[in-house]
Amino acid sequence: MTSEKQVSYLTKNSYSTLNSFGDQTKNVWMVFHGMGYLSRYFLRYFSALDPEKNYILAPQAPSKYYLSSEYKHVGASWLTRENTQAETENIFQYLDAVWKEEKRNSDHKLILFGYSQGVSIVTRWMASRNMGCDHLVLHSGGIPKELQPDSFNYLQKEVNVTYLYGNQDPHITEARKIVELQKGTQLFGERLKVVEFKGGHEVYIPFLKELSDDNY
């Protein structure tokens, strides 16, 4: 007879940053990559932003794997359906540690950004910790089904929420788009704005620039 048990232990995980936090910093981004990324490579999408005004934190998904049978390139995943509850709490504790290390008490805009699988992580973490921000970006991903409207009652009215997706994204079918927008409206109400761009399942850099320049 087999059985499955659990133990607790200390572990370490990296995270990546882009630019430096200084007196000219206007925006602090905490960005959650999608499946198959490493955080240091995901940061390349943000390299076009003004380095004096934008400081970017990229947490690293803990589960790493080879992306092909050639065993050359490594990617990572945040969660799977296996042992999800325990793994989710492990990720929350890791994100708490990253934020504790990087939190600043200065006057800046905090942008939380989830791409693809990162959408589920950033929304779950926010809801579990009552984490506030100035702008939440949900880019080409799915909002977790278990989240309820009261999960975000703590958010200030001034918080902006954007659901961003490509009109040629194979993962965002017409049916799924309707479902995701319904969930987003239920959770965030009038805060939610929807932005559709011409493209597929890809990070839309022009929107990042607009947001960083206060043009959105």
N, C-alpha and C. Protein backbone atom coordinates (compact mmCIF):
# COMPACT_ATOMS: atom_id res chain seq x y z
N MET A 1 0.84 -1.20 0.00
CA MET A 1 0.00 0.00 0.00
C MET A 1 0.88 1.25 0.00
N THR A 2 0.57 2.19 -0.87
CA THR A 2 1.33 3.43 -0.92
C THR A 2 0.58 4.54 -0.20
N SER A 3 1.32 5.51 0.28
CA SER A 3 0.73 6.69 0.93
C SER A 3 1.59 7.90 0.61
N GLU A 4 1.00 9.04 0.69
CA GLU A 4 1.71 10.28 0.40
C GLU A 4 1.73 11.14 1.65
N LYS A 5 2.93 11.58 2.02
CA LYS A 5 3.11 12.38 3.22
C LYS A 5 3.74 13.71 2.85
N GLN A 6 3.81 14.62 3.82
CA GLN A 6 4.40 15.93 3.58
C GLN A 6 5.43 16.25 4.65
N VAL A 7 6.44 17.01 4.26
CA VAL A 7 7.40 17.56 5.21
C VAL A 7 7.55 19.06 4.90
N SER A 8 8.02 19.80 5.86
CA SER A 8 8.31 21.22 5.67
C SER A 8 9.82 21.42 5.72
N TYR A 9 10.33 22.31 4.88
CA TYR A 9 11.76 22.58 4.85
C TYR A 9 11.99 23.96 4.27
N LEU A 10 13.15 24.51 4.51
CA LEU A 10 13.51 25.81 3.96
C LEU A 10 14.01 25.65 2.54
N THR A 11 13.69 26.60 1.69
CA THR A 11 14.16 26.55 0.32
C THR A 11 14.51 27.95 -0.14
N LYS A 12 15.19 28.06 -1.26
CA LYS A 12 15.56 29.35 -1.83
C LYS A 12 15.12 29.40 -3.28
N ASN A 13 14.83 30.60 -3.74
CA ASN A 13 14.49 30.80 -5.14
C ASN A 13 14.95 32.19 -5.54
N SER A 14 15.32 32.35 -6.78
CA SER A 14 15.80 33.63 -7.27
C SER A 14 14.65 34.49 -7.76
N TYR A 15 14.94 35.75 -8.02
CA TYR A 15 14.06 36.63 -8.78
C TYR A 15 14.96 37.61 -9.51
N SER A 16 14.44 38.25 -10.54
CA SER A 16 15.26 39.13 -11.36
C SER A 16 14.72 40.56 -11.30
N THR A 17 15.62 41.52 -11.50
CA THR A 17 15.23 42.92 -11.54
C THR A 17 15.82 43.58 -12.78
N LEU A 18 15.18 44.65 -13.19
CA LEU A 18 15.66 45.45 -14.32
C LEU A 18 15.71 46.91 -13.88
N ASN A 19 16.84 47.55 -14.12
CA ASN A 19 17.09 48.94 -13.74
C ASN A 19 17.32 49.04 -12.23
N SER A 20 17.45 50.25 -11.74
CA SER A 20 17.72 50.48 -10.32
C SER A 20 16.65 51.40 -9.74
N PHE A 21 16.34 51.18 -8.49
CA PHE A 21 15.39 52.05 -7.81
C PHE A 21 16.14 53.28 -7.31
N GLY A 22 15.64 54.46 -7.68
CA GLY A 22 16.30 55.69 -7.28
C GLY A 22 15.33 56.84 -7.13
N ASP A 23 15.88 58.04 -6.98
CA ASP A 23 15.04 59.22 -6.76
C ASP A 23 14.12 59.52 -7.94
N GLN A 24 14.52 59.09 -9.14
CA GLN A 24 13.72 59.37 -10.33
C GLN A 24 12.70 58.28 -10.66
N THR A 25 12.70 57.22 -9.86
CA THR A 25 11.78 56.11 -10.13
C THR A 25 10.34 56.56 -9.99
N LYS A 26 9.58 56.32 -11.01
CA LYS A 26 8.17 56.70 -11.05
C LYS A 26 7.24 55.49 -10.93
N ASN A 27 7.65 54.38 -11.57
CA ASN A 27 6.84 53.17 -11.59
C ASN A 27 7.63 51.99 -11.06
N VAL A 28 7.04 51.25 -10.15
CA VAL A 28 7.58 49.95 -9.74
C VAL A 28 6.65 48.89 -10.28
N TRP A 29 7.20 48.01 -11.10
CA TRP A 29 6.44 46.92 -11.70
C TRP A 29 6.80 45.62 -10.99
N MET A 30 5.80 44.80 -10.71
CA MET A 30 6.03 43.42 -10.29
C MET A 30 5.37 42.55 -11.35
N VAL A 31 6.18 41.84 -12.13
CA VAL A 31 5.68 41.19 -13.35
C VAL A 31 5.80 39.68 -13.22
N PHE A 32 4.74 38.99 -13.59
CA PHE A 32 4.64 37.54 -13.43
C PHE A 32 4.61 36.90 -14.82
N HIS A 33 5.65 36.15 -15.12
CA HIS A 33 5.79 35.58 -16.46
C HIS A 33 4.84 34.41 -16.70
N GLY A 34 4.74 34.01 -17.95
CA GLY A 34 3.92 32.87 -18.33
C GLY A 34 4.71 31.57 -18.31
N MET A 35 4.04 30.49 -18.65
CA MET A 35 4.67 29.18 -18.66
C MET A 35 5.77 29.13 -19.71
N GLY A 36 6.89 28.53 -19.31
CA GLY A 36 7.99 28.35 -20.25
C GLY A 36 9.05 29.42 -20.18
N TYR A 37 8.84 30.44 -19.36
CA TYR A 37 9.80 31.54 -19.24
C TYR A 37 10.73 31.35 -18.05
N LEU A 38 11.86 32.01 -18.11
CA LEU A 38 12.65 32.32 -16.94
C LEU A 38 12.55 33.83 -16.73
N SER A 39 12.56 34.25 -15.49
CA SER A 39 12.28 35.65 -15.18
C SER A 39 13.27 36.60 -15.84
N ARG A 40 14.55 36.22 -15.91
CA ARG A 40 15.54 37.13 -16.48
C ARG A 40 15.31 37.37 -17.97
N TYR A 41 14.75 36.38 -18.67
CA TYR A 41 14.44 36.57 -20.09
C TYR A 41 13.12 37.31 -20.28
N PHE A 42 12.19 37.10 -19.38
CA PHE A 42 10.91 37.80 -19.46
C PHE A 42 11.11 39.31 -19.34
N LEU A 43 12.11 39.72 -18.60
CA LEU A 43 12.38 41.15 -18.42
C LEU A 43 12.74 41.86 -19.72
N ARG A 44 13.14 41.11 -20.74
CA ARG A 44 13.50 41.75 -22.00
C ARG A 44 12.35 42.54 -22.60
N TYR A 45 11.12 42.12 -22.31
CA TYR A 45 9.97 42.84 -22.84
C TYR A 45 9.85 44.25 -22.25
N PHE A 46 10.50 44.48 -21.14
CA PHE A 46 10.39 45.75 -20.45
C PHE A 46 11.63 46.63 -20.65
N SER A 47 12.54 46.18 -21.48
CA SER A 47 13.80 46.89 -21.67
C SER A 47 13.63 48.21 -22.42
N ALA A 48 12.51 48.37 -23.13
CA ALA A 48 12.28 49.60 -23.88
C ALA A 48 11.76 50.73 -22.99
N LEU A 49 11.40 50.44 -21.75
CA LEU A 49 10.88 51.46 -20.85
C LEU A 49 12.01 52.32 -20.31
N ASP A 50 11.70 53.55 -20.00
CA ASP A 50 12.70 54.49 -19.48
C ASP A 50 13.33 53.92 -18.21
N PRO A 51 14.64 53.63 -18.23
CA PRO A 51 15.28 52.99 -17.08
C PRO A 51 15.34 53.87 -15.83
N GLU A 52 15.27 55.20 -16.03
CA GLU A 52 15.30 56.10 -14.88
C GLU A 52 13.97 56.10 -14.12
N LYS A 53 12.89 55.83 -14.85
CA LYS A 53 11.56 55.96 -14.27
C LYS A 53 10.92 54.62 -13.91
N ASN A 54 11.46 53.52 -14.41
CA ASN A 54 10.81 52.22 -14.24
C ASN A 54 11.75 51.21 -13.60
N TYR A 55 11.32 50.66 -12.48
CA TYR A 55 12.05 49.60 -11.79
C TYR A 55 11.17 48.36 -11.83
N ILE A 56 11.71 47.28 -12.37
CA ILE A 56 10.89 46.09 -12.63
C ILE A 56 11.39 44.90 -11.84
N LEU A 57 10.48 44.24 -11.13
CA LEU A 57 10.75 43.01 -10.38
C LEU A 57 10.08 41.86 -11.10
N ALA A 58 10.81 40.79 -11.30
CA ALA A 58 10.25 39.61 -11.97
C ALA A 58 10.47 38.37 -11.12
N PRO A 59 9.47 37.96 -10.33
CA PRO A 59 9.59 36.71 -9.59
C PRO A 59 9.78 35.53 -10.54
N GLN A 60 10.39 34.48 -10.02
CA GLN A 60 10.69 33.31 -10.82
C GLN A 60 9.81 32.13 -10.41
N ALA A 61 9.04 31.59 -11.38
CA ALA A 61 8.27 30.37 -11.09
C ALA A 61 9.22 29.27 -10.65
N PRO A 62 8.84 28.47 -9.66
CA PRO A 62 9.79 27.54 -9.05
C PRO A 62 10.04 26.24 -9.81
N SER A 63 9.09 25.80 -10.61
CA SER A 63 9.21 24.48 -11.24
C SER A 63 9.85 24.61 -12.61
N LYS A 64 11.11 24.24 -12.72
CA LYS A 64 11.85 24.38 -13.97
C LYS A 64 11.92 23.06 -14.73
N TYR A 65 11.98 23.18 -16.05
CA TYR A 65 12.01 21.99 -16.89
C TYR A 65 12.65 22.33 -18.23
N TYR A 66 13.13 21.32 -18.95
CA TYR A 66 13.66 21.53 -20.29
C TYR A 66 12.51 21.69 -21.28
N LEU A 67 12.66 22.65 -22.18
CA LEU A 67 11.58 22.99 -23.09
C LEU A 67 11.47 22.04 -24.28
N SER A 68 12.49 21.26 -24.54
CA SER A 68 12.44 20.32 -25.66
C SER A 68 13.32 19.12 -25.35
N SER A 69 13.27 18.15 -26.24
CA SER A 69 14.06 16.93 -26.07
C SER A 69 15.55 17.17 -26.32
N GLU A 70 15.90 18.37 -26.77
CA GLU A 70 17.31 18.70 -26.97
C GLU A 70 18.00 19.07 -25.66
N TYR A 71 17.23 19.33 -24.63
CA TYR A 71 17.75 19.63 -23.29
C TYR A 71 18.71 20.82 -23.30
N LYS A 72 18.36 21.86 -24.04
CA LYS A 72 19.19 23.06 -24.09
C LYS A 72 18.55 24.22 -23.33
N HIS A 73 17.29 24.48 -23.63
CA HIS A 73 16.63 25.66 -23.08
C HIS A 73 15.71 25.26 -21.93
N VAL A 74 15.78 26.06 -20.87
CA VAL A 74 15.03 25.78 -19.64
C VAL A 74 13.89 26.79 -19.50
N GLY A 75 12.73 26.31 -19.14
CA GLY A 75 11.59 27.15 -18.83
C GLY A 75 11.08 26.82 -17.44
N ALA A 76 9.97 27.44 -17.06
CA ALA A 76 9.44 27.21 -15.72
C ALA A 76 7.93 27.33 -15.72
N SER A 77 7.32 26.72 -14.73
CA SER A 77 5.87 26.76 -14.56
C SER A 77 5.56 27.14 -13.11
N TRP A 78 4.48 27.91 -12.94
CA TRP A 78 4.08 28.30 -11.59
C TRP A 78 3.36 27.17 -10.86
N LEU A 79 2.36 26.59 -11.52
CA LEU A 79 1.52 25.58 -10.88
C LEU A 79 1.07 24.54 -11.90
N THR A 80 0.70 23.37 -11.39
CA THR A 80 -0.01 22.37 -12.18
C THR A 80 -1.22 21.92 -11.35
N ARG A 81 -1.96 20.97 -11.85
CA ARG A 81 -3.10 20.45 -11.09
C ARG A 81 -2.65 19.52 -9.98
N GLU A 82 -1.36 19.18 -9.93
CA GLU A 82 -0.83 18.28 -8.91
C GLU A 82 -0.46 19.04 -7.65
N ASN A 83 -1.07 18.67 -6.52
CA ASN A 83 -0.76 19.25 -5.21
C ASN A 83 -0.87 20.78 -5.24
N THR A 84 -1.92 21.26 -5.88
CA THR A 84 -2.04 22.69 -6.17
C THR A 84 -2.12 23.54 -4.92
N GLN A 85 -2.89 23.12 -3.94
CA GLN A 85 -3.10 23.95 -2.76
C GLN A 85 -1.79 24.19 -2.01
N ALA A 86 -1.03 23.13 -1.78
CA ALA A 86 0.24 23.28 -1.05
C ALA A 86 1.24 24.09 -1.87
N GLU A 87 1.30 23.83 -3.17
CA GLU A 87 2.23 24.57 -4.02
C GLU A 87 1.86 26.05 -4.10
N THR A 88 0.57 26.33 -4.09
CA THR A 88 0.13 27.73 -4.11
C THR A 88 0.60 28.47 -2.87
N GLU A 89 0.46 27.84 -1.72
CA GLU A 89 0.90 28.49 -0.49
C GLU A 89 2.41 28.67 -0.48
N ASN A 90 3.15 27.71 -1.03
CA ASN A 90 4.60 27.88 -1.14
C ASN A 90 4.94 29.11 -1.99
N ILE A 91 4.23 29.27 -3.09
CA ILE A 91 4.46 30.42 -3.97
C ILE A 91 4.11 31.72 -3.26
N PHE A 92 3.00 31.73 -2.52
CA PHE A 92 2.62 32.94 -1.79
C PHE A 92 3.72 33.35 -0.81
N GLN A 93 4.27 32.40 -0.09
CA GLN A 93 5.32 32.71 0.88
C GLN A 93 6.57 33.24 0.19
N TYR A 94 6.87 32.69 -0.97
CA TYR A 94 8.00 33.19 -1.76
C TYR A 94 7.74 34.63 -2.21
N LEU A 95 6.55 34.90 -2.73
CA LEU A 95 6.21 36.26 -3.19
C LEU A 95 6.20 37.24 -2.03
N ASP A 96 5.73 36.80 -0.87
CA ASP A 96 5.79 37.65 0.33
C ASP A 96 7.22 38.05 0.63
N ALA A 97 8.14 37.09 0.50
CA ALA A 97 9.54 37.36 0.79
C ALA A 97 10.15 38.33 -0.22
N VAL A 98 9.79 38.16 -1.49
CA VAL A 98 10.27 39.08 -2.52
C VAL A 98 9.78 40.49 -2.24
N TRP A 99 8.49 40.63 -1.94
CA TRP A 99 7.92 41.94 -1.71
C TRP A 99 8.49 42.58 -0.44
N LYS A 100 8.71 41.78 0.59
CA LYS A 100 9.32 42.30 1.82
C LYS A 100 10.71 42.84 1.54
N GLU A 101 11.44 42.16 0.67
CA GLU A 101 12.80 42.58 0.32
C GLU A 101 12.79 43.86 -0.52
N GLU A 102 11.80 44.02 -1.38
CA GLU A 102 11.82 45.10 -2.37
C GLU A 102 10.86 46.25 -2.08
N LYS A 103 9.99 46.12 -1.12
CA LYS A 103 8.99 47.15 -0.86
C LYS A 103 9.65 48.47 -0.52
N ARG A 104 9.16 49.52 -1.14
CA ARG A 104 9.68 50.87 -0.91
C ARG A 104 8.58 51.77 -0.34
N ASN A 105 8.97 52.68 0.52
CA ASN A 105 8.01 53.58 1.15
C ASN A 105 8.03 54.97 0.53
N SER A 106 8.35 55.03 -0.75
CA SER A 106 8.39 56.31 -1.44
C SER A 106 7.15 56.48 -2.32
N ASP A 107 7.03 57.65 -2.90
CA ASP A 107 5.86 57.99 -3.71
C ASP A 107 6.07 57.51 -5.15
N HIS A 108 5.53 56.36 -5.47
CA HIS A 108 5.63 55.82 -6.82
C HIS A 108 4.37 55.02 -7.13
N LYS A 109 4.19 54.74 -8.40
CA LYS A 109 3.06 53.92 -8.84
C LYS A 109 3.47 52.45 -8.82
N LEU A 110 2.61 51.61 -8.25
CA LEU A 110 2.85 50.17 -8.24
C LEU A 110 1.97 49.51 -9.29
N ILE A 111 2.60 48.82 -10.22
CA ILE A 111 1.90 48.12 -11.29
C ILE A 111 2.12 46.62 -11.12
N LEU A 112 1.05 45.87 -10.96
CA LEU A 112 1.12 44.41 -10.91
C LEU A 112 0.69 43.88 -12.26
N PHE A 113 1.53 43.03 -12.84
CA PHE A 113 1.36 42.63 -14.24
C PHE A 113 1.47 41.11 -14.34
N GLY A 114 0.42 40.47 -14.81
CA GLY A 114 0.45 39.03 -15.02
C GLY A 114 0.27 38.70 -16.49
N TYR A 115 1.14 37.86 -17.00
CA TYR A 115 1.03 37.44 -18.41
C TYR A 115 0.76 35.94 -18.47
N SER A 116 -0.26 35.54 -19.22
CA SER A 116 -0.61 34.14 -19.43
C SER A 116 -0.79 33.44 -18.08
N GLN A 117 -0.01 32.43 -17.77
CA GLN A 117 -0.17 31.73 -16.49
C GLN A 117 0.05 32.67 -15.31
N GLY A 118 0.80 33.73 -15.51
CA GLY A 118 1.05 34.69 -14.44
C GLY A 118 -0.19 35.42 -13.97
N VAL A 119 -1.25 35.45 -14.81
CA VAL A 119 -2.50 36.09 -14.40
C VAL A 119 -3.09 35.39 -13.18
N SER A 120 -3.08 34.07 -13.20
CA SER A 120 -3.67 33.32 -12.09
C SER A 120 -2.86 33.52 -10.80
N ILE A 121 -1.55 33.69 -10.93
CA ILE A 121 -0.71 33.85 -9.75
C ILE A 121 -0.89 35.23 -9.13
N VAL A 122 -0.84 36.26 -9.95
CA VAL A 122 -0.94 37.61 -9.39
C VAL A 122 -2.30 37.86 -8.77
N THR A 123 -3.38 37.36 -9.37
CA THR A 123 -4.70 37.59 -8.80
C THR A 123 -4.90 36.80 -7.51
N ARG A 124 -4.43 35.57 -7.48
CA ARG A 124 -4.55 34.78 -6.25
C ARG A 124 -3.74 35.39 -5.12
N TRP A 125 -2.53 35.82 -5.42
CA TRP A 125 -1.68 36.43 -4.39
C TRP A 125 -2.31 37.71 -3.87
N MET A 126 -2.79 38.55 -4.77
CA MET A 126 -3.45 39.79 -4.34
C MET A 126 -4.61 39.50 -3.40
N ALA A 127 -5.47 38.58 -3.81
CA ALA A 127 -6.66 38.29 -3.02
C ALA A 127 -6.31 37.69 -1.67
N SER A 128 -5.29 36.85 -1.62
CA SER A 128 -4.94 36.18 -0.36
C SER A 128 -4.27 37.11 0.62
N ARG A 129 -3.62 38.17 0.11
CA ARG A 129 -2.85 39.08 0.98
C ARG A 129 -3.45 40.49 1.04
N ASN A 130 -4.62 40.68 0.40
CA ASN A 130 -5.19 42.03 0.31
C ASN A 130 -4.15 43.01 -0.22
N MET A 131 -3.47 42.59 -1.27
CA MET A 131 -2.39 43.36 -1.85
C MET A 131 -2.95 44.45 -2.75
N GLY A 132 -2.62 45.68 -2.45
CA GLY A 132 -3.09 46.79 -3.25
C GLY A 132 -2.09 47.17 -4.33
N CYS A 133 -2.54 47.98 -5.27
CA CYS A 133 -1.67 48.48 -6.33
C CYS A 133 -2.37 49.67 -6.98
N ASP A 134 -1.68 50.30 -7.91
CA ASP A 134 -2.29 51.39 -8.67
C ASP A 134 -2.90 50.90 -9.98
N HIS A 135 -2.27 49.90 -10.57
CA HIS A 135 -2.79 49.35 -11.83
C HIS A 135 -2.50 47.86 -11.87
N LEU A 136 -3.53 47.08 -12.17
CA LEU A 136 -3.41 45.64 -12.34
C LEU A 136 -3.63 45.32 -13.81
N VAL A 137 -2.66 44.63 -14.42
CA VAL A 137 -2.75 44.26 -15.82
C VAL A 137 -2.88 42.75 -15.94
N LEU A 138 -3.95 42.28 -16.55
CA LEU A 138 -4.21 40.86 -16.77
C LEU A 138 -4.05 40.61 -18.27
N HIS A 139 -2.90 40.06 -18.65
CA HIS A 139 -2.51 39.99 -20.05
C HIS A 139 -2.59 38.54 -20.55
N SER A 140 -3.59 38.27 -21.40
CA SER A 140 -3.67 37.01 -22.14
C SER A 140 -3.70 35.77 -21.25
N GLY A 141 -4.37 35.87 -20.12
CA GLY A 141 -4.43 34.72 -19.22
C GLY A 141 -5.81 34.51 -18.65
N GLY A 142 -5.95 33.47 -17.82
CA GLY A 142 -7.22 33.11 -17.23
C GLY A 142 -7.32 33.52 -15.78
N ILE A 143 -8.46 34.09 -15.41
CA ILE A 143 -8.72 34.47 -14.03
C ILE A 143 -9.22 33.24 -13.28
N PRO A 144 -8.63 32.91 -12.13
CA PRO A 144 -9.03 31.70 -11.41
C PRO A 144 -10.51 31.66 -11.06
N LYS A 145 -11.12 30.50 -11.22
CA LYS A 145 -12.55 30.36 -11.00
C LYS A 145 -12.94 30.56 -9.54
N GLU A 146 -12.02 30.23 -8.61
CA GLU A 146 -12.40 30.27 -7.20
C GLU A 146 -12.50 31.69 -6.63
N LEU A 147 -11.97 32.67 -7.36
CA LEU A 147 -12.03 34.05 -6.86
C LEU A 147 -13.46 34.58 -6.94
N GLN A 148 -13.86 35.29 -5.91
CA GLN A 148 -15.21 35.82 -5.82
C GLN A 148 -15.18 37.35 -5.76
N PRO A 149 -16.30 38.02 -6.09
CA PRO A 149 -16.31 39.48 -6.05
C PRO A 149 -15.80 40.07 -4.75
N ASP A 150 -16.13 39.43 -3.60
CA ASP A 150 -15.66 40.00 -2.33
C ASP A 150 -14.17 39.77 -2.10
N SER A 151 -13.50 39.01 -3.00
CA SER A 151 -12.06 38.80 -2.87
C SER A 151 -11.30 40.10 -3.06
N PHE A 152 -11.90 41.06 -3.75
CA PHE A 152 -11.22 42.31 -4.06
C PHE A 152 -11.97 43.53 -3.52
N ASN A 153 -12.80 43.31 -2.51
CA ASN A 153 -13.53 44.43 -1.91
C ASN A 153 -12.58 45.44 -1.27
N TYR A 154 -11.40 45.01 -0.90
CA TYR A 154 -10.45 45.88 -0.21
C TYR A 154 -9.83 46.92 -1.14
N LEU A 155 -9.91 46.71 -2.45
CA LEU A 155 -9.25 47.61 -3.39
C LEU A 155 -9.87 49.01 -3.35
N GLN A 156 -9.01 50.01 -3.44
CA GLN A 156 -9.48 51.38 -3.51
C GLN A 156 -10.14 51.64 -4.86
N LYS A 157 -11.04 52.59 -4.90
CA LYS A 157 -11.75 52.91 -6.14
C LYS A 157 -10.81 53.39 -7.24
N GLU A 158 -9.67 53.96 -6.84
CA GLU A 158 -8.75 54.54 -7.81
C GLU A 158 -7.94 53.48 -8.56
N VAL A 159 -7.99 52.23 -8.11
CA VAL A 159 -7.21 51.17 -8.75
C VAL A 159 -7.76 50.89 -10.15
N ASN A 160 -6.86 50.87 -11.13
CA ASN A 160 -7.24 50.55 -12.50
C ASN A 160 -6.93 49.08 -12.81
N VAL A 161 -7.80 48.45 -13.57
CA VAL A 161 -7.61 47.05 -13.98
C VAL A 161 -7.79 46.96 -15.48
N THR A 162 -6.80 46.36 -16.16
CA THR A 162 -6.87 46.21 -17.60
C THR A 162 -6.76 44.74 -17.98
N TYR A 163 -7.72 44.26 -18.78
CA TYR A 163 -7.60 42.94 -19.39
C TYR A 163 -7.13 43.15 -20.82
N LEU A 164 -5.97 42.60 -21.15
CA LEU A 164 -5.29 42.86 -22.41
C LEU A 164 -5.09 41.55 -23.16
N TYR A 165 -5.46 41.51 -24.44
CA TYR A 165 -5.30 40.26 -25.20
C TYR A 165 -5.19 40.56 -26.69
N GLY A 166 -4.60 39.63 -27.42
CA GLY A 166 -4.46 39.76 -28.86
C GLY A 166 -5.65 39.17 -29.59
N ASN A 167 -6.06 39.81 -30.67
CA ASN A 167 -7.24 39.34 -31.40
C ASN A 167 -6.97 38.07 -32.20
N GLN A 168 -5.70 37.64 -32.26
CA GLN A 168 -5.35 36.41 -32.95
C GLN A 168 -4.74 35.38 -32.00
N ASP A 169 -4.98 35.57 -30.72
CA ASP A 169 -4.45 34.66 -29.71
C ASP A 169 -5.20 33.33 -29.77
N PRO A 170 -4.51 32.22 -30.07
CA PRO A 170 -5.22 30.93 -30.17
C PRO A 170 -5.76 30.45 -28.83
N HIS A 171 -5.24 30.99 -27.72
CA HIS A 171 -5.71 30.58 -26.39
C HIS A 171 -6.95 31.37 -25.96
N ILE A 172 -7.22 32.49 -26.63
CA ILE A 172 -8.38 33.31 -26.26
C ILE A 172 -9.43 33.18 -27.37
N THR A 173 -10.17 32.09 -27.32
CA THR A 173 -11.25 31.90 -28.28
C THR A 173 -12.39 32.86 -27.95
N GLU A 174 -13.34 32.96 -28.85
CA GLU A 174 -14.48 33.85 -28.61
C GLU A 174 -15.23 33.44 -27.35
N ALA A 175 -15.40 32.13 -27.16
CA ALA A 175 -16.12 31.65 -25.98
C ALA A 175 -15.33 31.96 -24.71
N ARG A 176 -14.02 31.73 -24.76
CA ARG A 176 -13.21 32.00 -23.56
C ARG A 176 -13.15 33.49 -23.28
N LYS A 177 -13.10 34.30 -24.31
CA LYS A 177 -13.08 35.75 -24.11
C LYS A 177 -14.31 36.20 -23.35
N ILE A 178 -15.46 35.67 -23.73
CA ILE A 178 -16.70 36.03 -23.05
C ILE A 178 -16.64 35.63 -21.58
N VAL A 179 -16.15 34.42 -21.31
CA VAL A 179 -16.06 33.93 -19.93
C VAL A 179 -15.11 34.79 -19.11
N GLU A 180 -13.92 35.08 -19.66
CA GLU A 180 -12.94 35.86 -18.92
C GLU A 180 -13.43 37.28 -18.64
N LEU A 181 -14.09 37.87 -19.60
CA LEU A 181 -14.58 39.23 -19.39
C LEU A 181 -15.73 39.25 -18.40
N GLN A 182 -16.54 38.20 -18.38
CA GLN A 182 -17.59 38.10 -17.37
C GLN A 182 -16.99 37.99 -15.98
N LYS A 183 -15.97 37.13 -15.85
CA LYS A 183 -15.32 36.99 -14.55
C LYS A 183 -14.67 38.29 -14.12
N GLY A 184 -14.00 38.95 -15.07
CA GLY A 184 -13.34 40.21 -14.75
C GLY A 184 -14.32 41.27 -14.30
N THR A 185 -15.47 41.34 -14.96
CA THR A 185 -16.49 42.32 -14.59
C THR A 185 -17.07 42.01 -13.22
N GLN A 186 -17.29 40.73 -12.93
CA GLN A 186 -17.81 40.35 -11.62
C GLN A 186 -16.84 40.71 -10.50
N LEU A 187 -15.55 40.56 -10.77
CA LEU A 187 -14.54 40.80 -9.74
C LEU A 187 -14.21 42.27 -9.56
N PHE A 188 -14.14 43.00 -10.69
CA PHE A 188 -13.61 44.36 -10.63
C PHE A 188 -14.60 45.45 -11.03
N GLY A 189 -15.75 45.05 -11.53
CA GLY A 189 -16.79 46.02 -11.85
C GLY A 189 -16.34 47.07 -12.85
N GLU A 190 -16.64 48.32 -12.54
CA GLU A 190 -16.36 49.42 -13.46
C GLU A 190 -14.88 49.73 -13.57
N ARG A 191 -14.07 49.17 -12.67
CA ARG A 191 -12.63 49.38 -12.76
C ARG A 191 -12.05 48.74 -14.02
N LEU A 192 -12.68 47.67 -14.48
CA LEU A 192 -12.13 46.88 -15.58
C LEU A 192 -12.24 47.59 -16.92
N LYS A 193 -11.11 47.65 -17.61
CA LYS A 193 -11.08 48.11 -18.99
C LYS A 193 -10.49 46.99 -19.85
N VAL A 194 -11.01 46.85 -21.04
CA VAL A 194 -10.57 45.79 -21.94
C VAL A 194 -9.82 46.42 -23.11
N VAL A 195 -8.63 45.90 -23.38
CA VAL A 195 -7.82 46.39 -24.50
C VAL A 195 -7.50 45.21 -25.41
N GLU A 196 -7.92 45.30 -26.65
CA GLU A 196 -7.62 44.28 -27.66
C GLU A 196 -6.59 44.85 -28.64
N PHE A 197 -5.56 44.07 -28.92
CA PHE A 197 -4.56 44.52 -29.88
C PHE A 197 -4.45 43.51 -31.02
N LYS A 198 -3.88 43.96 -32.11
CA LYS A 198 -3.69 43.09 -33.27
C LYS A 198 -2.46 42.24 -33.05
N GLY A 199 -2.66 40.94 -32.82
CA GLY A 199 -1.54 40.05 -32.57
C GLY A 199 -1.99 38.77 -31.91
N GLY A 200 -1.03 37.93 -31.59
CA GLY A 200 -1.32 36.63 -31.01
C GLY A 200 -1.02 36.56 -29.53
N HIS A 201 -0.53 35.39 -29.10
CA HIS A 201 -0.22 35.18 -27.69
C HIS A 201 1.19 35.70 -27.44
N GLU A 202 1.27 37.00 -27.22
CA GLU A 202 2.56 37.66 -27.10
C GLU A 202 2.41 38.88 -26.21
N VAL A 203 3.50 39.28 -25.57
CA VAL A 203 3.48 40.47 -24.74
C VAL A 203 3.40 41.69 -25.65
N TYR A 204 2.44 42.56 -25.37
CA TYR A 204 2.19 43.72 -26.22
C TYR A 204 2.96 44.92 -25.67
N ILE A 205 4.13 45.14 -26.22
CA ILE A 205 5.04 46.16 -25.70
C ILE A 205 4.49 47.58 -25.82
N PRO A 206 3.79 47.95 -26.91
CA PRO A 206 3.26 49.32 -26.97
C PRO A 206 2.38 49.69 -25.77
N PHE A 207 1.63 48.73 -25.25
CA PHE A 207 0.81 49.03 -24.07
C PHE A 207 1.70 49.30 -22.86
N LEU A 208 2.79 48.55 -22.72
CA LEU A 208 3.71 48.78 -21.60
C LEU A 208 4.25 50.19 -21.63
N LYS A 209 4.61 50.66 -22.82
CA LYS A 209 5.14 52.01 -22.96
C LYS A 209 4.09 53.05 -22.61
N GLU A 210 2.86 52.84 -23.08
CA GLU A 210 1.79 53.78 -22.78
C GLU A 210 1.54 53.86 -21.28
N LEU A 211 1.51 52.71 -20.64
CA LEU A 211 1.25 52.68 -19.21
C LEU A 211 2.38 53.33 -18.42
N SER A 212 3.62 53.08 -18.83
CA SER A 212 4.77 53.63 -18.12
C SER A 212 4.86 55.14 -18.29
N ASP A 213 4.32 55.65 -19.39
CA ASP A 213 4.36 57.09 -19.67
C ASP A 213 3.10 57.82 -19.21
N ASP A 214 2.23 57.11 -18.51
CA ASP A 214 0.97 57.71 -18.04
C ASP A 214 0.06 58.13 -19.18
N ASN A 215 0.19 57.44 -20.31
CA ASN A 215 -0.67 57.76 -21.44
C ASN A 215 -1.90 56.84 -21.50
N TYR A 216 -2.05 56.03 -20.47
CA TYR A 216 -3.24 55.16 -20.42
C TYR A 216 -3.93 55.32 -19.08
